[in-house]
Amino acid sequence: MARKSSKDRVSNEVNAGSMADIAFLLLIFFLVTTTMDQDKGVLVRLPPWSNEKPESTKLATRRVLSVLVNANDELLVRGEIADINALRSRTKEFIMNPKKRDDMPKEPKDAIISLRNDRGTHYAKYLAVYNELKAAYNELYDEEAQRRYSKPFEKLPKSKQKLIKQYIPLILSEAESTNFGEEDK
């Protein structure tokens, strides 16, 4: 039997010199091509900043639907305890005033929703109330679009959507949060 020399032996090692380069290139590729979704939170358009003190305006109570979420996460609508499940329909009725009641606004453009919460209110409860109020407006927009144009609001051109929003403007006033237990003042 012939002896094998060290040159004839097969090497069991794998050349891994370029593996680090390939892994680095793949890492860069995935970092560059991956997008991260960011939570947007509640999208609200704020009024422009002003150093001047706002003038105090006394509004007729018939125009304002006051909604309060107190420190115990209880919902109060116009000072009465209310159920969040009825908030949407109650808001829609207030804005449109189909029965022409004297304690509600004459027209939808006169309706103001005032949302206030206590500093002890849980964020989830605040968001649930806020979503119900926004949903009430969205349903009113859709109903008005169906009545006027027999189409859903989202299918209308921007010009017709703007007309409906002028007829039923979203006026949602968020008052400054109160300290624990001060919501009755």
Protein backbone atom coordinates (compact mmCIF):
# COMPACT_ATOMS: atom_id res chain seq x y z
CA MET A 1 0.00 0.00 0.00
CA ALA A 2 1.29 3.35 -0.90
CA ARG A 3 1.77 5.87 1.71
CA LYS A 4 -0.21 9.09 1.46
CA SER A 5 1.62 12.26 1.86
CA SER A 6 0.32 15.30 3.67
CA LYS A 7 -0.34 16.91 0.30
CA ASP A 8 -2.71 14.12 -0.70
CA ARG A 9 -4.89 14.42 2.37
CA VAL A 10 -8.24 16.08 1.90
CA SER A 11 -8.81 19.15 4.04
CA ASN A 12 -11.91 19.07 6.26
CA GLU A 13 -11.99 22.84 6.70
CA VAL A 14 -14.46 25.11 4.91
CA ASN A 15 -13.21 28.51 3.86
CA ALA A 16 -15.50 30.89 5.76
CA GLY A 17 -13.66 34.08 4.95
CA SER A 18 -16.39 35.41 2.66
CA MET A 19 -19.32 34.23 4.86
CA ALA A 20 -18.99 37.27 7.13
CA ASP A 21 -19.09 39.57 4.10
CA ILE A 22 -22.24 37.87 2.78
CA ALA A 23 -23.97 38.07 6.18
CA PHE A 24 -23.06 41.75 6.47
CA LEU A 25 -24.45 42.49 2.98
CA LEU A 26 -27.69 40.64 3.79
CA LEU A 27 -28.02 42.59 7.04
CA ILE A 28 -27.60 45.90 5.23
CA PHE A 29 -30.08 44.83 2.53
CA PHE A 30 -32.79 43.97 5.06
CA LEU A 31 -32.18 47.13 7.10
CA VAL A 32 -32.54 49.30 4.01
CA THR A 33 -35.61 47.57 2.55
CA THR A 34 -37.60 47.02 5.74
CA THR A 35 -40.15 49.65 6.75
CA MET A 36 -41.28 50.20 10.32
CA ASP A 37 -44.87 51.15 10.99
CA GLN A 38 -45.27 53.86 13.57
CA ASP A 39 -48.32 54.31 15.76
CA LYS A 40 -50.04 57.48 14.79
CA GLY A 41 -52.21 57.96 17.86
CA VAL A 42 -55.25 60.21 17.65
CA LEU A 43 -55.04 62.49 14.62
CA VAL A 44 -56.38 65.89 15.62
CA ARG A 45 -55.78 69.19 13.89
CA LEU A 46 -54.93 71.75 16.53
CA PRO A 47 -55.58 75.47 16.22
CA PRO A 48 -52.58 77.69 15.54
CA TRP A 49 -50.54 78.75 18.57
CA SER A 50 -51.23 82.19 19.96
CA ASN A 51 -49.72 84.04 22.90
CA GLU A 52 -52.89 86.06 23.30
CA LYS A 53 -55.41 84.94 25.86
CA PRO A 54 -58.56 83.65 24.15
CA GLU A 55 -61.69 85.67 24.63
CA SER A 56 -64.32 84.09 26.80
CA THR A 57 -67.46 83.20 24.91
CA LYS A 58 -70.66 82.11 26.58
CA LEU A 59 -72.47 79.60 24.37
CA ALA A 60 -76.12 78.71 24.52
CA THR A 61 -76.47 75.39 26.34
CA ARG A 62 -78.71 74.12 23.57
CA ARG A 63 -75.71 74.18 21.21
CA VAL A 64 -73.33 72.20 23.44
CA LEU A 65 -73.36 68.47 24.14
CA SER A 66 -71.00 68.16 27.11
CA VAL A 67 -69.39 64.74 27.42
CA LEU A 68 -67.29 64.03 30.50
CA VAL A 69 -65.30 60.96 31.43
CA ASN A 70 -64.62 61.17 35.15
CA ALA A 71 -61.85 59.60 37.23
CA ASN A 72 -63.94 56.46 37.75
CA ASP A 73 -64.23 56.03 33.94
CA GLU A 74 -67.93 56.88 34.15
CA LEU A 75 -69.43 58.65 31.16
CA LEU A 76 -71.52 61.72 31.87
CA VAL A 77 -73.48 63.33 29.03
CA ARG A 78 -74.97 66.69 29.94
CA GLY A 79 -74.43 65.86 33.60
CA GLU A 80 -76.24 62.50 33.53
CA ILE A 81 -74.57 59.11 33.68
CA ALA A 82 -74.76 57.51 30.24
CA ASP A 83 -73.81 54.25 28.58
CA ILE A 84 -71.05 54.35 25.98
CA ASN A 85 -73.11 52.05 23.75
CA ALA A 86 -75.79 54.76 23.46
CA LEU A 87 -73.32 57.64 23.00
CA ARG A 88 -73.16 57.39 19.20
CA SER A 89 -76.92 57.46 18.65
CA ARG A 90 -77.36 60.18 21.26
CA THR A 91 -74.70 62.30 19.57
CA LYS A 92 -76.28 61.83 16.16
CA GLU A 93 -79.68 62.82 17.53
CA PHE A 94 -78.18 65.90 19.18
CA ILE A 95 -76.41 67.06 16.01
CA MET A 96 -79.34 66.54 13.62
CA ASN A 97 -82.19 67.34 16.08
CA PRO A 98 -84.84 65.49 14.03
CA LYS A 99 -87.65 66.31 16.49
CA LYS A 100 -86.75 70.03 16.54
CA ARG A 101 -86.38 70.06 20.33
CA ASP A 102 -85.69 73.35 22.10
CA ASP A 103 -82.76 71.94 24.10
CA MET A 104 -80.78 70.96 20.98
CA PRO A 105 -79.21 73.01 18.17
CA LYS A 106 -81.42 74.29 15.35
CA GLU A 107 -79.01 73.15 12.63
CA PRO A 108 -76.10 70.68 12.48
CA LYS A 109 -73.61 73.53 11.95
CA ASP A 110 -74.58 74.93 15.36
CA ALA A 111 -73.81 71.70 17.26
CA ILE A 112 -70.70 71.65 19.45
CA ILE A 113 -69.47 68.50 21.16
CA SER A 114 -67.44 69.30 24.28
CA LEU A 115 -65.28 66.40 25.45
CA ARG A 116 -63.61 66.64 28.84
CA ASN A 117 -61.87 64.06 30.93
CA ASP A 118 -60.34 63.79 34.37
CA ARG A 119 -56.62 63.23 34.81
CA GLY A 120 -57.50 59.89 36.40
CA THR A 121 -59.39 58.69 33.31
CA HIS A 122 -57.88 55.62 31.68
CA TYR A 123 -56.60 56.25 28.17
CA ALA A 124 -58.54 53.27 26.77
CA LYS A 125 -61.82 54.73 28.06
CA TYR A 126 -60.98 58.17 26.65
CA LEU A 127 -60.21 56.63 23.25
CA ALA A 128 -63.42 54.59 23.29
CA VAL A 129 -65.47 57.75 23.93
CA TYR A 130 -63.54 59.73 21.32
CA ASN A 131 -64.03 56.96 18.75
CA GLU A 132 -67.78 56.87 19.40
CA LEU A 133 -68.05 60.63 18.87
CA LYS A 134 -66.04 60.45 15.63
CA ALA A 135 -68.10 57.44 14.49
CA ALA A 136 -71.29 59.44 15.03
CA TYR A 137 -70.03 62.11 12.63
CA ASN A 138 -68.86 59.49 10.12
CA GLU A 139 -72.29 57.84 10.16
CA LEU A 140 -73.99 61.21 9.70
CA TYR A 141 -71.73 61.95 6.72
CA ASP A 142 -72.59 58.61 5.19
CA GLU A 143 -76.33 59.02 5.80
CA GLU A 144 -76.28 62.50 4.26
CA ALA A 145 -74.33 61.22 1.25
CA GLN A 146 -76.87 58.43 0.76
CA ARG A 147 -79.74 60.91 1.08
CA ARG A 148 -78.27 63.46 -1.35
CA TYR A 149 -76.36 61.35 -3.87
CA SER A 150 -77.35 57.71 -3.20
CA LYS A 151 -73.70 56.82 -2.68
CA PRO A 152 -71.53 56.17 0.36
CA PHE A 153 -69.57 59.17 1.59
CA GLU A 154 -66.19 57.59 0.76
CA LYS A 155 -67.22 57.04 -2.89
CA LEU A 156 -68.07 60.71 -3.44
CA PRO A 157 -65.66 63.14 -5.08
CA LYS A 158 -63.86 65.51 -2.73
CA SER A 159 -66.05 68.46 -3.77
CA LYS A 160 -69.26 66.69 -2.69
CA GLN A 161 -67.63 65.44 0.51
CA LYS A 162 -66.70 69.02 1.28
CA LEU A 163 -70.33 70.14 0.83
CA ILE A 164 -71.52 67.52 3.29
CA LYS A 165 -68.83 68.49 5.80
CA GLN A 166 -69.90 72.12 5.49
CA TYR A 167 -73.48 71.11 6.26
CA ILE A 168 -72.39 68.89 9.19
CA PRO A 169 -69.07 70.32 10.41
CA LEU A 170 -67.13 68.32 12.96
CA ILE A 171 -66.88 70.65 15.94
CA LEU A 172 -65.33 68.66 18.75
CA SER A 173 -63.94 70.78 21.55
CA GLU A 174 -61.59 69.12 24.01
CA ALA A 175 -61.42 70.96 27.28
CA GLU A 176 -58.41 70.83 29.54
CA SER A 177 -58.30 67.81 31.83
CA THR A 178 -59.35 68.35 35.41
CA ASN A 179 -57.69 67.00 38.52
CA PHE A 180 -59.11 63.96 40.25
CA GLY A 181 -62.62 64.74 41.46
CA GLU A 182 -62.84 68.29 40.07
CA GLU A 183 -65.09 67.37 37.15
CA ASP A 184 -68.21 68.80 38.78
CA LYS A 185 -66.79 72.32 39.07
